[in-house]
PDB file of N, CA and C in Angstrom:
ATOM      1  N   MET A   1      10.528   0.811  -5.580  1.00  0.00           N
ATOM      2  CA  MET A   1       9.569   0.164  -4.897  1.00  0.00           C
ATOM      3  C   MET A   1      10.233  -0.338  -3.535  1.00  0.00           C
ATOM      4  N   LEU A   2       9.300  -0.109  -2.756  1.00  0.00           N
ATOM      5  CA  LEU A   2       9.732  -0.463  -1.175  1.00  0.00           C
ATOM      6  C   LEU A   2       8.723  -1.236  -0.569  1.00  0.00           C
ATOM      7  N   GLY A   3       9.035  -2.229   0.086  1.00  0.00           N
ATOM      8  CA  GLY A   3       8.269  -3.514   0.784  1.00  0.00           C
ATOM      9  C   GLY A   3       8.454  -3.364   2.119  1.00  0.00           C
ATOM     10  N   ILE A   4       7.278  -3.511   2.952  1.00  0.00           N
ATOM     11  CA  ILE A   4       7.616  -3.439   4.249  1.00  0.00           C
ATOM     12  C   ILE A   4       6.648  -4.383   4.822  1.00  0.00           C
ATOM     13  N   CYS A   5       7.258  -5.383   5.246  1.00  0.00           N
ATOM     14  CA  CYS A   5       6.365  -6.551   6.016  1.00  0.00           C
ATOM     15  C   CYS A   5       6.157  -6.484   7.507  1.00  0.00           C
ATOM     16  N   SER A   6       5.170  -6.474   8.296  1.00  0.00           N
ATOM     17  CA  SER A   6       4.964  -6.415   9.723  1.00  0.00           C
ATOM     18  C   SER A   6       4.097  -7.297  10.145  1.00  0.00           C
ATOM     19  N   SER A   7       4.023  -7.230  11.213  1.00  0.00           N
ATOM     20  CA  SER A   7       3.133  -8.409  12.334  1.00  0.00           C
ATOM     21  C   SER A   7       1.897  -7.310  12.331  1.00  0.00           C
ATOM     22  N   SER A   8       1.821  -6.146  11.916  1.00  0.00           N
ATOM     23  CA  SER A   8       0.446  -5.383  11.760  1.00  0.00           C
ATOM     24  C   SER A   8       0.304  -4.430  11.032  1.00  0.00           C
ATOM     25  N   ALA A   9      -0.872  -3.949  10.632  1.00  0.00           N
ATOM     26  CA  ALA A   9      -1.088  -2.863   9.633  1.00  0.00           C
ATOM     27  C   ALA A   9      -0.493  -1.333  10.310  1.00  0.00           C
ATOM     28  N   THR A  10      -0.707  -1.531  11.645  1.00  0.00           N
ATOM     29  CA  THR A  10      -0.347  -0.165  12.388  1.00  0.00           C
ATOM     30  C   THR A  10       1.020  -0.231  12.308  1.00  0.00           C
ATOM     31  N   ASP A  11       1.915  -1.194  12.638  1.00  0.00           N
ATOM     32  CA  ASP A  11       3.178  -1.096  12.523  1.00  0.00           C
ATOM     33  C   ASP A  11       3.838  -0.960  11.049  1.00  0.00           C
ATOM     34  N   ALA A  12       3.129  -1.118  10.010  1.00  0.00           N
ATOM     35  CA  ALA A  12       3.471  -1.475   9.020  1.00  0.00           C
ATOM     36  C   ALA A  12       3.433   0.116   8.329  1.00  0.00           C
ATOM     37  N   VAL A  13       2.353   0.844   8.636  1.00  0.00           N
ATOM     38  CA  VAL A  13       2.140   1.938   8.102  1.00  0.00           C
ATOM     39  C   VAL A  13       2.976   3.205   8.894  1.00  0.00           C
ATOM     40  N   GLN A  14       3.559   2.715  10.583  1.00  0.00           N
ATOM     41  CA  GLN A  14       4.368   3.575  11.029  1.00  0.00           C
ATOM     42  C   GLN A  14       5.704   3.406  10.368  1.00  0.00           C
ATOM     43  N   ALA A  15       6.045   2.330   9.914  1.00  0.00           N
ATOM     44  CA  ALA A  15       7.407   2.314   9.281  1.00  0.00           C
ATOM     45  C   ALA A  15       7.401   3.020   8.028  1.00  0.00           C
ATOM     46  N   LEU A  16       6.392   2.908   7.446  1.00  0.00           N
ATOM     47  CA  LEU A  16       6.347   3.654   5.807  1.00  0.00           C
ATOM     48  C   LEU A  16       6.002   5.172   6.221  1.00  0.00           C
ATOM     49  N   LYS A  17       5.611   5.815   7.216  1.00  0.00           N
ATOM     50  CA  LYS A  17       5.403   6.984   7.641  1.00  0.00           C
ATOM     51  C   LYS A  17       7.042   7.729   8.303  1.00  0.00           C
ATOM     52  N   THR A  18       7.806   6.794   8.667  1.00  0.00           N
ATOM     53  CA  THR A  18       9.081   6.624   9.030  1.00  0.00           C
ATOM     54  C   THR A  18      10.147   6.663   7.981  1.00  0.00           C
ATOM     55  N   TRP A  19      10.046   5.886   7.245  1.00  0.00           N
ATOM     56  CA  TRP A  19      11.071   5.767   5.755  1.00  0.00           C
ATOM     57  C   TRP A  19      11.060   6.617   4.800  1.00  0.00           C
ATOM     58  N   VAL A  20       9.826   7.010   4.623  1.00  0.00           N
ATOM     59  CA  VAL A  20       9.231   7.919   3.353  1.00  0.00           C
ATOM     60  C   VAL A  20      10.155   9.208   3.616  1.00  0.00           C
ATOM     61  N   PRO A  21       9.977   9.724   4.595  1.00  0.00           N
ATOM     62  CA  PRO A  21      10.530  11.305   4.665  1.00  0.00           C
ATOM     63  C   PRO A  21      12.064  11.106   4.891  1.00  0.00           C
ATOM     64  N   ALA A  22      12.181  10.096   5.649  1.00  0.00           N
ATOM     65  CA  ALA A  22      13.965   9.977   6.016  1.00  0.00           C
ATOM     66  C   ALA A  22      14.605   9.772   4.787  1.00  0.00           C
ATOM     67  N   LEU A  23      14.030   9.225   3.705  1.00  0.00           N
ATOM     68  CA  LEU A  23      14.685   8.777   2.325  1.00  0.00           C
ATOM     69  C   LEU A  23      14.646  10.026   1.523  1.00  0.00           C
ATOM     70  N   GLY A  24      13.622  10.778   2.037  1.00  0.00           N
ATOM     71  CA  GLY A  24      13.373  12.031   0.954  1.00  0.00           C
ATOM     72  C   GLY A  24      12.438  11.427  -0.074  1.00  0.00           C
ATOM     73  N   LEU A  25      12.086  10.427   0.082  1.00  0.00           N
ATOM     74  CA  LEU A  25      10.754   9.905  -1.166  1.00  0.00           C
ATOM     75  C   LEU A  25       9.363  10.917  -1.287  1.00  0.00           C
ATOM     76  N   PRO A  26       8.569  10.706  -2.313  1.00  0.00           N
ATOM     77  CA  PRO A  26       7.361  11.583  -2.471  1.00  0.00           C
ATOM     78  C   PRO A  26       6.287  10.683  -1.600  1.00  0.00           C
ATOM     79  N   LYS A  27       5.323  11.809  -0.915  1.00  0.00           N
ATOM     80  CA  LYS A  27       4.075  11.115  -0.421  1.00  0.00           C
ATOM     81  C   LYS A  27       2.972  10.848  -1.108  1.00  0.00           C
ATOM     82  N   GLY A  28       2.337  10.130  -0.845  1.00  0.00           N
ATOM     83  CA  GLY A  28       1.286   9.784  -2.166  1.00  0.00           C
ATOM     84  C   GLY A  28      -0.018   9.455  -1.104  1.00  0.00           C
ATOM     85  N   LEU A  29      -0.914   8.703  -1.976  1.00  0.00           N
ATOM     86  CA  LEU A  29      -2.006   7.998  -1.268  1.00  0.00           C
ATOM     87  C   LEU A  29      -1.755   6.433  -0.478  1.00  0.00           C
ATOM     88  N   LEU A  30      -2.366   6.532   0.338  1.00  0.00           N
ATOM     89  CA  LEU A  30      -2.339   4.984   1.174  1.00  0.00           C
ATOM     90  C   LEU A  30      -3.427   4.328   0.793  1.00  0.00           C
ATOM     91  N   LEU A  31      -3.351   3.384  -0.159  1.00  0.00           N
ATOM     92  CA  LEU A  31      -4.684   2.399  -0.279  1.00  0.00           C
ATOM     93  C   LEU A  31      -4.718   1.077   0.199  1.00  0.00           C
ATOM     94  N   GLY A  32      -5.952   0.547   0.590  1.00  0.00           N
ATOM     95  CA  GLY A  32      -6.099  -0.836   1.011  1.00  0.00           C
ATOM     96  C   GLY A  32      -6.712  -0.934   2.540  1.00  0.00           C
ATOM     97  N   LEU A  33      -6.875   0.159   3.115  1.00  0.00           N
ATOM     98  CA  LEU A  33      -7.330   0.122   4.233  1.00  0.00           C
ATOM     99  C   LEU A  33      -8.866   0.483   4.432  1.00  0.00           C
ATOM    100  N   ASP A  34      -9.649   0.486   3.223  1.00  0.00           N
ATOM    101  CA  ASP A  34     -10.786   0.776   3.197  1.00  0.00           C
ATOM    102  C   ASP A  34     -11.562   0.313   1.890  1.00  0.00           C
ATOM    103  N   VAL A  35     -12.655  -0.250   1.899  1.00  0.00           N
ATOM    104  CA  VAL A  35     -13.357  -0.679   0.891  1.00  0.00           C
ATOM    105  C   VAL A  35     -14.502   0.185   0.738  1.00  0.00           C
ATOM    106  N   GLY A  36     -14.738   0.659  -0.444  1.00  0.00           N
ATOM    107  CA  GLY A  36     -15.758   1.768  -0.670  1.00  0.00           C
ATOM    108  C   GLY A  36     -15.793   2.636   0.374  1.00  0.00           C
ATOM    109  N   GLY A  37     -14.718   2.974   1.131  1.00  0.00           N
ATOM    110  CA  GLY A  37     -15.026   4.123   2.127  1.00  0.00           C
ATOM    111  C   GLY A  37     -15.326   3.586   3.747  1.00  0.00           C
ATOM    112  N   VAL A  38     -15.631   2.178   3.378  1.00  0.00           N
ATOM    113  CA  VAL A  38     -15.634   1.419   4.953  1.00  0.00           C
ATOM    114  C   VAL A  38     -14.255   0.905   5.489  1.00  0.00           C
ATOM    115  N   PRO A  39     -13.998   1.292   6.575  1.00  0.00           N
ATOM    116  CA  PRO A  39     -12.509   0.607   7.020  1.00  0.00           C
ATOM    117  C   PRO A  39     -12.623  -0.878   6.829  1.00  0.00           C
ATOM    118  N   VAL A  40     -11.378  -1.240   6.500  1.00  0.00           N
ATOM    119  CA  VAL A  40     -11.242  -2.667   7.051  1.00  0.00           C
ATOM    120  C   VAL A  40     -10.751  -2.943   8.286  1.00  0.00           C
ATOM    121  N   ASP A  41     -11.317  -4.308   8.760  1.00  0.00           N
ATOM    122  CA  ASP A  41     -10.649  -4.513  10.085  1.00  0.00           C
ATOM    123  C   ASP A  41      -9.231  -5.280  10.222  1.00  0.00           C
ATOM    124  N   THR A  42      -8.335  -4.459  10.269  1.00  0.00           N
ATOM    125  CA  THR A  42      -6.843  -5.121  10.176  1.00  0.00           C
ATOM    126  C   THR A  42      -6.637  -5.893  11.318  1.00  0.00           C
ATOM    127  N   ALA A  43      -7.407  -5.905  12.133  1.00  0.00           N
ATOM    128  CA  ALA A  43      -7.175  -6.571  13.537  1.00  0.00           C
ATOM    129  C   ALA A  43      -7.444  -8.250  13.328  1.00  0.00           C
ATOM    130  N   LEU A  44      -8.125  -8.483  11.944  1.00  0.00           N
ATOM    131  CA  LEU A  44      -8.227  -9.827  11.285  1.00  0.00           C
ATOM    132  C   LEU A  44      -7.233 -10.510  10.625  1.00  0.00           C
ATOM    133  N   TRP A  45      -6.171  -9.442  10.325  1.00  0.00           N
ATOM    134  CA  TRP A  45      -5.073  -9.754   9.477  1.00  0.00           C
ATOM    135  C   TRP A  45      -4.229 -10.715  10.104  1.00  0.00           C
ATOM    136  N   ASN A  46      -3.231 -11.224   9.491  1.00  0.00           N
ATOM    137  CA  ASN A  46      -2.367 -12.019  10.176  1.00  0.00           C
ATOM    138  C   ASN A  46      -1.210 -11.427  10.286  1.00  0.00           C
ATOM    139  N   GLY A  47      -1.026 -10.420   9.614  1.00  0.00           N
ATOM    140  CA  GLY A  47       0.234  -9.225   9.480  1.00  0.00           C
ATOM    141  C   GLY A  47      -0.287  -8.313   8.283  1.00  0.00           C
ATOM    142  N   ALA A  48       0.912  -7.547   7.851  1.00  0.00           N
ATOM    143  CA  ALA A  48       0.417  -6.718   6.853  1.00  0.00           C
ATOM    144  C   ALA A  48       2.086  -6.390   5.868  1.00  0.00           C
ATOM    145  N   TYR A  49       1.496  -5.885   4.704  1.00  0.00           N
ATOM    146  CA  TYR A  49       2.375  -6.053   3.958  1.00  0.00           C
ATOM    147  C   TYR A  49       2.109  -4.391   3.186  1.00  0.00           C
ATOM    148  N   VAL A  50       2.965  -3.610   2.929  1.00  0.00           N
ATOM    149  CA  VAL A  50       2.949  -2.368   2.383  1.00  0.00           C
ATOM    150  C   VAL A  50       3.798  -2.329   1.031  1.00  0.00           C
ATOM    151  N   LYS A  51       3.410  -2.039   0.075  1.00  0.00           N
ATOM    152  CA  LYS A  51       3.906  -2.090  -1.185  1.00  0.00           C
ATOM    153  C   LYS A  51       3.956  -0.398  -1.721  1.00  0.00           C
ATOM    154  N   TYR A  52       5.008   0.276  -1.631  1.00  0.00           N
ATOM    155  CA  TYR A  52       5.355   1.500  -1.789  1.00  0.00           C
ATOM    156  C   TYR A  52       5.981   1.689  -3.164  1.00  0.00           C
ATOM    157  N   SER A  53       5.699   2.655  -4.032  1.00  0.00           N
ATOM    158  CA  SER A  53       6.274   2.906  -5.334  1.00  0.00           C
ATOM    159  C   SER A  53       6.342   4.283  -5.636  1.00  0.00           C
ATOM    160  N   THR A  54       7.305   4.785  -6.001  1.00  0.00           N
ATOM    161  CA  THR A  54       7.830   6.129  -6.287  1.00  0.00           C
ATOM    162  C   THR A  54       7.628   6.284  -7.441  1.00  0.00           C
ATOM    163  N   GLY A  55       7.145   5.637  -8.505  1.00  0.00           N
ATOM    164  CA  GLY A  55       6.469   5.647  -9.753  1.00  0.00           C
ATOM    165  C   GLY A  55       5.265   4.846 -10.038  1.00  0.00           C
ATOM    166  N   GLY A  56       4.760   5.025 -11.323  1.00  0.00           N
ATOM    167  CA  GLY A  56       3.731   4.329 -11.697  1.00  0.00           C
ATOM    168  C   GLY A  56       4.124   2.678 -11.746  1.00  0.00           C
ATOM    169  N   SER A  57       2.669   1.830 -11.338  1.00  0.00           N
ATOM    170  CA  SER A  57       3.378   0.376 -11.054  1.00  0.00           C
ATOM    171  C   SER A  57       2.128  -0.397 -12.156  1.00  0.00           C
ATOM    172  N   SER A  58       1.032   0.523 -12.400  1.00  0.00           N
ATOM    173  CA  SER A  58      -0.522  -0.268 -13.028  1.00  0.00           C
ATOM    174  C   SER A  58      -0.143   0.241 -14.644  1.00  0.00           C
ATOM    175  N   THR A  59       0.100  -0.723 -15.500  1.00  0.00           N
ATOM    176  CA  THR A  59      -0.228  -0.096 -16.864  1.00  0.00           C
ATOM    177  C   THR A  59      -1.698   0.056 -17.446  1.00  0.00           C
ATOM    178  N   PHE A  60      -1.587   0.769 -18.371  1.00  0.00           N
ATOM    179  CA  PHE A  60      -3.439   1.264 -19.032  1.00  0.00           C
ATOM    180  C   PHE A  60      -3.797  -0.283 -19.075  1.00  0.00           C
ATOM    181  N   GLU A  61      -3.179  -0.979 -19.644  1.00  0.00           N
ATOM    182  CA  GLU A  61      -3.608  -2.305 -19.758  1.00  0.00           C
ATOM    183  C   GLU A  61      -4.270  -3.045 -18.530  1.00  0.00           C
ATOM    184  N   GLN A  62      -3.532  -2.854 -17.634  1.00  0.00           N
ATOM    185  CA  GLN A  62      -4.027  -3.635 -16.511  1.00  0.00           C
ATOM    186  C   GLN A  62      -5.257  -3.032 -15.838  1.00  0.00           C
ATOM    187  N   VAL A  63      -5.344  -1.674 -16.050  1.00  0.00           N
ATOM    188  CA  VAL A  63      -6.387  -0.782 -15.385  1.00  0.00           C
ATOM    189  C   VAL A  63      -7.723  -1.121 -16.352  1.00  0.00           C
ATOM    190  N   ARG A  64      -7.685  -1.261 -17.478  1.00  0.00           N
ATOM    191  CA  ARG A  64      -8.771  -1.441 -18.196  1.00  0.00           C
ATOM    192  C   ARG A  64      -9.201  -2.774 -17.898  1.00  0.00           C
ATOM    193  N   LYS A  65      -8.562  -3.658 -17.951  1.00  0.00           N
ATOM    194  CA  LYS A  65      -8.801  -5.005 -17.346  1.00  0.00           C
ATOM    195  C   LYS A  65      -9.524  -5.279 -16.255  1.00  0.00           C
ATOM    196  N   SER A  66      -8.986  -4.376 -15.002  1.00  0.00           N
ATOM    197  CA  SER A  66      -9.561  -4.282 -13.576  1.00  0.00           C
ATOM    198  C   SER A  66     -10.957  -3.800 -13.712  1.00  0.00           C
ATOM    199  N   GLY A  67     -11.334  -2.989 -14.396  1.00  0.00           N
ATOM    200  CA  GLY A  67     -12.874  -2.448 -14.609  1.00  0.00           C
ATOM    201  C   GLY A  67     -12.651  -1.422 -13.605  1.00  0.00           C
ATOM    202  N   VAL A  68     -11.598  -0.955 -12.991  1.00  0.00           N
ATOM    203  CA  VAL A  68     -11.970   0.127 -11.639  1.00  0.00           C
ATOM    204  C   VAL A  68     -11.685   1.421 -12.105  1.00  0.00           C
ATOM    205  N   GLY A  69     -10.928   1.700 -13.355  1.00  0.00           N
ATOM    206  CA  GLY A  69     -11.090   3.180 -13.899  1.00  0.00           C
ATOM    207  C   GLY A  69      -9.367   3.765 -13.609  1.00  0.00           C
ATOM    208  N   PHE A  70      -9.285   4.759 -14.292  1.00  0.00           N
ATOM    209  CA  PHE A  70      -7.906   5.431 -14.710  1.00  0.00           C
ATOM    210  C   PHE A  70      -7.505   6.158 -13.220  1.00  0.00           C
ATOM    211  N   GLU A  71      -8.723   6.595 -12.288  1.00  0.00           N
ATOM    212  CA  GLU A  71      -8.274   7.216 -11.352  1.00  0.00           C
ATOM    213  C   GLU A  71      -7.289   6.126 -10.406  1.00  0.00           C
ATOM    214  N   SER A  72      -7.527   4.490 -10.803  1.00  0.00           N
ATOM    215  CA  SER A  72      -6.734   3.554  -9.824  1.00  0.00           C
ATOM    216  C   SER A  72      -5.095   3.590 -10.102  1.00  0.00           C
ATOM    217  N   LEU A  73      -4.747   4.300 -11.358  1.00  0.00           N
ATOM    218  CA  LEU A  73      -3.373   4.384 -11.410  1.00  0.00           C
ATOM    219  C   LEU A  73      -2.608   4.856 -10.399  1.00  0.00           C
ATOM    220  N   TRP A  74      -1.476   4.011 -10.249  1.00  0.00           N
ATOM    221  CA  TRP A  74      -0.690   4.712  -9.069  1.00  0.00           C
ATOM    222  C   TRP A  74       0.290   5.826  -9.582  1.00  0.00           C
ATOM    223  N   LYS A  75       0.225   6.870  -8.462  1.00  0.00           N
ATOM    224  CA  LYS A  75       1.196   7.661  -8.693  1.00  0.00           C
ATOM    225  C   LYS A  75       2.311   7.674  -7.928  1.00  0.00           C
ATOM    226  N   PRO A  76       3.445   8.520  -8.218  1.00  0.00           N
ATOM    227  CA  PRO A  76       4.614   8.666  -7.216  1.00  0.00           C
ATOM    228  C   PRO A  76       4.307   8.974  -5.815  1.00  0.00           C
ATOM    229  N   GLY A  77       4.636   8.009  -5.038  1.00  0.00           N
ATOM    230  CA  GLY A  77       4.344   7.807  -3.728  1.00  0.00           C
ATOM    231  C   GLY A  77       3.618   7.235  -3.103  1.00  0.00           C
ATOM    232  N   ASP A  78       2.395   6.693  -4.066  1.00  0.00           N
ATOM    233  CA  ASP A  78       1.490   6.039  -3.491  1.00  0.00           C
ATOM    234  C   ASP A  78       1.991   4.420  -2.735  1.00  0.00           C
ATOM    235  N   ALA A  79       1.191   3.980  -1.888  1.00  0.00           N
ATOM    236  CA  ALA A  79       1.485   2.815  -1.194  1.00  0.00           C
ATOM    237  C   ALA A  79       0.000   2.025  -0.995  1.00  0.00           C
ATOM    238  N   PHE A  80       0.098   0.566  -0.975  1.00  0.00           N
ATOM    239  CA  PHE A  80      -1.141  -0.306  -0.849  1.00  0.00           C
ATOM    240  C   PHE A  80      -0.816  -1.121   0.068  1.00  0.00           C
ATOM    241  N   VAL A  81      -1.412  -1.372   1.285  1.00  0.00           N
ATOM    242  CA  VAL A  81      -1.349  -2.064   2.357  1.00  0.00           C
ATOM    243  C   VAL A  81      -2.260  -3.541   2.091  1.00  0.00           C
ATOM    244  N   GLU A  82      -1.634  -4.526   2.425  1.00  0.00           N
ATOM    245  CA  GLU A  82      -2.678  -5.943   2.418  1.00  0.00           C
ATOM    246  C   GLU A  82      -2.312  -6.520   3.534  1.00  0.00           C
ATOM    247  N   ASP A  83      -3.447  -7.764   3.546  1.00  0.00           N
ATOM    248  CA  ASP A  83      -3.112  -8.966   4.635  1.00  0.00           C
ATOM    249  C   ASP A  83      -1.921  -9.480   4.029  1.00  0.00           C
ATOM    250  N   TYR A  84      -0.961  -9.995   5.103  1.00  0.00           N
ATOM    251  CA  TYR A  84       0.180 -10.739   4.718  1.00  0.00           C
ATOM    252  C   TYR A  84       0.466 -12.061   5.753  1.00  0.00           C
ATOM    253  N   ASP A  85       0.385 -13.304   5.321  1.00  0.00           N
ATOM    254  CA  ASP A  85       0.436 -14.167   6.309  1.00  0.00           C
ATOM    255  C   ASP A  85       1.958 -15.087   6.369  1.00  0.00           C
ATOM    256  N   GLY A  86       3.197 -14.388   5.638  1.00  0.00           N
ATOM    257  CA  GLY A  86       4.105 -14.908   5.435  1.00  0.00           C
ATOM    258  C   GLY A  86       5.287 -14.591   6.496  1.00  0.00           C
ATOM    259  N   LYS A  87       6.197 -14.457   6.399  1.00  0.00           N
ATOM    260  CA  LYS A  87       7.394 -14.323   7.475  1.00  0.00           C
ATOM    261  C   LYS A  87       7.422 -12.909   7.175  1.00  0.00           C
ATOM    262  N   TYR A  88       7.401 -12.087   8.432  1.00  0.00           N
ATOM    263  CA  TYR A  88       7.955 -10.739   8.288  1.00  0.00           C
ATOM    264  C   TYR A  88       9.032 -10.414   8.876  1.00  0.00           C
ATOM    265  N   ARG A  89       9.879 -10.969   9.432  1.00  0.00           N
ATOM    266  CA  ARG A  89      11.132 -10.726   9.905  1.00  0.00           C
ATOM    267  C   ARG A  89      12.270 -11.641   9.719  1.00  0.00           C
TER     268      ARG A  89
END
């Protein structure tokens, strides 16, 4: 698990793109920057947090409860970006 906090989604994603290959980690899907294919306006965010996982982080029970479907299971290298308003440095 790797967490990246930043003042913007752009900076957070750039950090992810730098660290993952530097550490020899798997590259997967980047989630959280769109909703149903429509881009999220990250300029409205206070900051950004990226949660990166080298392994699955959702259990089957969590996926069933969410109603999203099994395609939402995390795979090695997947990352999720979200709005973050805490301290980032």
